[in-house]
N, C-alpha and C. Protein backbone atom coordinates (compact mmCIF):
# COMPACT_ATOMS: atom_id res chain seq x y z
N UNK A 1 -12.45 6.65 -0.45
CA UNK A 1 -12.53 8.09 -0.53
C UNK A 1 -11.45 8.67 -1.59
N UNK A 2 -11.31 9.21 -2.28
CA UNK A 2 -10.25 10.10 -3.12
C UNK A 2 -10.22 11.73 -2.76
N UNK A 3 -9.11 12.26 -1.75
CA UNK A 3 -9.27 13.26 -1.33
C UNK A 3 -8.13 14.00 -2.21
N UNK A 4 -8.71 15.38 -2.69
CA UNK A 4 -7.56 16.20 -3.40
C UNK A 4 -6.84 17.17 -2.73
N UNK A 5 -6.62 17.11 -1.04
CA UNK A 5 -5.75 17.56 -0.62
C UNK A 5 -6.52 17.74 0.31
N UNK A 6 -5.32 18.13 1.93
CA UNK A 6 -5.74 18.15 3.04
C UNK A 6 -5.55 19.76 3.70
N UNK A 7 -6.32 20.23 4.24
CA UNK A 7 -5.91 21.31 4.95
C UNK A 7 -5.98 21.24 6.34
N UNK A 8 -4.50 22.11 7.17
CA UNK A 8 -4.85 21.75 8.80
C UNK A 8 -4.84 23.22 9.29
N UNK A 9 -5.60 23.46 9.93
CA UNK A 9 -5.72 24.43 11.20
C UNK A 9 -5.00 24.16 12.57
N UNK A 10 -3.98 25.19 12.87
CA UNK A 10 -3.02 24.63 13.89
C UNK A 10 -3.11 23.64 14.19
N UNK A 11 -3.51 22.59 13.49
CA UNK A 11 -3.29 20.88 13.81
C UNK A 11 -2.46 20.44 14.62
N UNK A 12 -2.60 19.49 15.34
CA UNK A 12 -1.85 18.97 16.30
C UNK A 12 -1.16 17.52 15.41
N UNK A 13 -0.05 17.71 14.32
CA UNK A 13 0.12 16.89 13.68
C UNK A 13 1.26 15.62 14.23
N UNK A 14 1.78 16.15 15.61
CA UNK A 14 2.76 14.90 16.03
C UNK A 14 2.42 14.83 17.33
N UNK A 15 1.58 14.00 17.73
CA UNK A 15 0.93 13.50 18.60
C UNK A 15 2.18 13.48 19.99
N UNK A 16 2.94 12.35 19.54
CA UNK A 16 4.15 12.58 20.18
C UNK A 16 4.90 13.45 21.18
N UNK A 17 5.09 14.34 20.25
CA UNK A 17 5.59 15.70 20.42
C UNK A 17 4.23 16.35 21.50
N UNK A 18 3.10 16.63 21.41
CA UNK A 18 2.43 16.85 21.85
C UNK A 18 2.13 16.59 23.45
N UNK A 19 2.52 15.08 23.19
CA UNK A 19 2.06 14.21 24.47
C UNK A 19 3.69 14.72 25.06
N UNK A 20 4.71 14.71 24.82
CA UNK A 20 6.04 15.07 25.52
C UNK A 20 5.78 16.81 26.16
N UNK A 21 5.09 17.46 25.65
CA UNK A 21 4.90 18.91 26.10
C UNK A 21 4.18 18.99 26.89
N UNK A 22 3.51 17.91 27.33
CA UNK A 22 2.04 17.84 28.15
C UNK A 22 1.00 19.19 27.71
N UNK A 23 0.52 19.02 26.19
CA UNK A 23 -0.07 19.93 25.68
C UNK A 23 -1.82 20.09 26.30
N UNK A 24 -2.12 20.93 26.89
CA UNK A 24 -3.65 20.84 27.70
C UNK A 24 -3.84 19.69 28.51
N UNK A 25 -2.85 19.51 29.36
CA UNK A 25 -2.75 18.33 30.34
C UNK A 25 -2.81 17.30 29.86
N UNK A 26 -3.88 16.21 29.81
CA UNK A 26 -3.48 15.05 29.51
C UNK A 26 -4.43 14.64 28.13
N UNK A 27 -4.75 15.43 27.50
CA UNK A 27 -5.63 15.08 26.52
C UNK A 27 -4.70 14.43 25.42
N UNK A 28 -3.68 14.47 25.06
CA UNK A 28 -3.32 13.28 23.80
C UNK A 28 -3.59 12.18 24.83
N UNK A 29 -2.81 11.50 25.99
CA UNK A 29 -3.14 10.38 26.73
C UNK A 29 -4.52 9.87 26.71
N UNK A 30 -4.98 11.19 26.69
CA UNK A 30 -6.62 10.90 27.04
C UNK A 30 -7.22 10.35 25.31
N UNK A 31 -7.17 10.90 24.57
CA UNK A 31 -7.20 10.75 23.02
C UNK A 31 -6.77 9.17 22.61
N UNK A 32 -5.28 8.99 23.09
CA UNK A 32 -4.31 7.49 22.65
C UNK A 32 -4.13 6.76 23.54
N UNK A 33 -4.39 6.71 24.77
CA UNK A 33 -4.08 6.48 25.82
C UNK A 33 -2.67 6.58 26.43
N UNK A 34 -2.87 6.62 27.69
CA UNK A 34 -1.49 7.03 28.63
C UNK A 34 -0.27 5.83 27.92
N UNK A 35 -0.61 4.34 27.96
CA UNK A 35 0.43 3.61 28.17
C UNK A 35 0.65 3.27 26.66
N UNK A 36 0.30 3.66 25.43
CA UNK A 36 0.21 3.49 24.63
C UNK A 36 1.26 4.60 24.27
N UNK A 37 1.22 5.95 24.35
CA UNK A 37 2.07 6.58 24.49
C UNK A 37 3.20 6.25 24.44
N UNK A 38 3.71 5.76 26.10
CA UNK A 38 4.81 5.30 27.12
C UNK A 38 5.17 4.40 26.04
N UNK A 39 4.55 3.83 25.20
CA UNK A 39 5.46 2.90 24.97
C UNK A 39 5.55 2.66 23.08
N UNK A 40 5.63 4.32 22.71
CA UNK A 40 5.45 4.26 21.65
C UNK A 40 4.81 3.60 20.53
N UNK A 41 3.46 2.83 20.74
CA UNK A 41 2.66 2.29 19.55
C UNK A 41 1.66 2.82 19.00
N UNK A 42 1.17 4.08 19.37
CA UNK A 42 0.68 5.10 18.47
C UNK A 42 0.81 5.07 17.66
N UNK A 43 1.86 4.84 16.75
CA UNK A 43 2.13 5.30 15.30
C UNK A 43 0.86 5.32 14.16
N UNK A 44 0.03 4.82 14.36
CA UNK A 44 -0.98 4.00 13.42
C UNK A 44 -1.75 5.96 13.57
N UNK A 45 -1.82 6.47 14.22
CA UNK A 45 -2.80 7.41 15.07
C UNK A 45 -1.74 8.78 14.73
N UNK A 46 -0.23 8.52 14.19
CA UNK A 46 0.13 10.01 14.64
C UNK A 46 0.55 10.35 13.05
N UNK A 47 0.12 11.44 12.55
CA UNK A 47 0.17 12.06 11.29
C UNK A 47 1.56 11.88 10.72
N UNK A 48 2.48 12.64 11.72
CA UNK A 48 4.00 12.51 11.06
C UNK A 48 4.48 11.77 10.55
N UNK A 49 4.03 10.36 11.50
CA UNK A 49 4.60 8.72 11.24
C UNK A 49 4.23 8.67 10.16
N UNK A 50 2.98 9.07 8.93
CA UNK A 50 2.37 8.51 7.99
C UNK A 50 2.96 9.43 6.87
N UNK A 51 3.49 9.98 7.12
CA UNK A 51 4.22 10.67 5.44
C UNK A 51 5.12 10.12 4.71
N UNK A 52 5.13 9.85 3.76
CA UNK A 52 4.38 11.09 2.99
C UNK A 52 2.85 10.86 2.48
N UNK A 53 2.06 11.42 2.06
CA UNK A 53 0.77 10.95 2.51
C UNK A 53 0.19 10.66 0.82
N UNK A 54 1.07 11.77 -0.03
CA UNK A 54 1.06 11.39 -1.55
C UNK A 54 -0.21 12.23 -2.00
N UNK A 55 -0.51 13.32 -1.33
CA UNK A 55 -1.61 14.40 -1.44
C UNK A 55 -0.95 15.37 -1.37
N UNK A 56 -1.31 16.87 -1.93
CA UNK A 56 -1.26 18.20 -1.21
C UNK A 56 -1.52 18.64 0.10
N UNK A 57 -0.48 19.00 0.69
CA UNK A 57 -1.31 19.12 2.23
C UNK A 57 -0.84 21.08 2.55
N UNK A 58 -1.76 21.48 3.17
CA UNK A 58 -1.45 23.24 3.75
C UNK A 58 -1.41 23.14 5.07
N UNK A 59 -0.47 23.69 6.05
CA UNK A 59 -0.79 23.75 7.54
C UNK A 59 -0.80 25.04 7.61
N UNK A 60 -1.83 25.44 8.28
CA UNK A 60 -1.79 27.41 8.92
C UNK A 60 -1.74 27.19 9.93
N UNK A 61 -0.84 27.65 10.55
CA UNK A 61 -0.69 27.78 12.15
C UNK A 61 -0.23 28.86 12.46
N UNK A 62 -0.45 29.74 13.15
CA UNK A 62 0.15 31.26 13.62
C UNK A 62 0.96 31.20 14.49
N UNK A 63 1.99 31.36 14.61
CA UNK A 63 3.36 31.44 15.60
C UNK A 63 3.57 31.79 16.82
N UNK A 64 2.26 32.75 17.24
CA UNK A 64 1.97 32.98 18.22
C UNK A 64 0.81 32.13 19.17
N UNK A 65 0.55 31.02 18.71
CA UNK A 65 -0.85 29.62 19.27
C UNK A 65 0.01 29.60 20.73
N UNK A 66 -0.54 29.72 21.81
CA UNK A 66 -0.12 29.22 22.89
C UNK A 66 -0.85 27.73 23.45
N UNK A 67 -1.73 27.35 22.62
CA UNK A 67 -2.59 25.87 22.78
C UNK A 67 -1.77 24.81 21.64
N UNK A 68 -1.20 25.02 21.05
CA UNK A 68 -0.51 24.43 19.92
C UNK A 68 0.44 24.95 19.51
N UNK A 69 1.90 24.73 20.21
CA UNK A 69 3.41 25.62 19.96
C UNK A 69 3.34 25.43 18.23
N UNK A 70 3.92 26.49 17.50
CA UNK A 70 4.32 26.03 16.20
C UNK A 70 4.90 25.42 15.68
N UNK A 71 6.13 25.41 16.51
CA UNK A 71 7.04 23.93 16.52
C UNK A 71 6.70 22.94 15.85
N UNK A 72 5.74 22.29 16.48
CA UNK A 72 4.85 21.39 16.20
C UNK A 72 4.42 21.02 14.51
N UNK A 73 3.83 22.12 13.80
CA UNK A 73 3.81 22.36 12.51
C UNK A 73 5.02 22.44 11.63
N UNK A 74 6.08 23.18 12.29
CA UNK A 74 7.36 23.42 11.52
C UNK A 74 7.99 22.20 11.50
N UNK A 75 7.87 21.12 12.65
CA UNK A 75 8.50 20.03 12.47
C UNK A 75 7.66 18.96 11.50
N UNK A 76 6.48 19.12 11.40
CA UNK A 76 5.74 18.60 10.45
C UNK A 76 6.34 18.33 9.32
N UNK A 77 6.87 19.70 9.04
CA UNK A 77 6.77 20.29 7.54
C UNK A 77 8.54 20.01 7.31
N UNK A 78 8.73 19.24 6.19
CA UNK A 78 10.23 19.34 5.88
C UNK A 78 10.66 20.19 5.53
N UNK A 79 12.20 20.41 5.72
CA UNK A 79 12.94 21.38 5.80
C UNK A 79 13.38 22.44 4.33
N UNK A 80 12.86 21.57 3.33
CA UNK A 80 12.58 21.78 1.76
C UNK A 80 11.18 22.93 1.68
N UNK A 81 10.40 22.38 1.96
CA UNK A 81 8.83 22.69 1.70
C UNK A 81 8.91 23.89 3.09
N UNK A 82 9.40 23.68 3.93
CA UNK A 82 9.48 25.43 4.78
C UNK A 82 9.74 26.28 3.97
N UNK A 83 11.35 26.46 3.14
CA UNK A 83 11.98 27.33 2.76
C UNK A 83 10.89 27.38 1.56
N UNK A 84 9.68 26.62 1.14
CA UNK A 84 9.07 27.10 -0.35
C UNK A 84 7.85 27.79 0.56
N UNK A 85 7.58 27.46 1.26
CA UNK A 85 6.26 28.40 2.45
C UNK A 85 6.86 29.77 2.43
N UNK A 86 8.01 29.82 2.82
CA UNK A 86 8.44 31.04 3.18
C UNK A 86 8.37 31.89 2.06
N UNK A 87 8.44 31.32 1.25
CA UNK A 87 8.55 32.40 -0.26
C UNK A 87 7.35 32.71 -0.51
N UNK A 88 6.25 32.12 -0.38
CA UNK A 88 4.70 32.17 -0.61
C UNK A 88 4.12 33.30 -0.02
């Protein structure tokens, strides 16, 4: 499948960070498995570790999100991209 781009709506793009923060209790461990997260073997499913993807991406995320902290999206975006996003 050829994708033209990706849009993430408050996505959890860094599952390891989400696991460390214990977002929604154990949802990440339930999705990936507690043992895999502890030993950092879940990289095949961690979006941030797949960068660069080679296609355009837009991340839409509110700064007041109480379920998925904005820092997760900010950490996914490189510093240069973050600056560009602030100008648009």
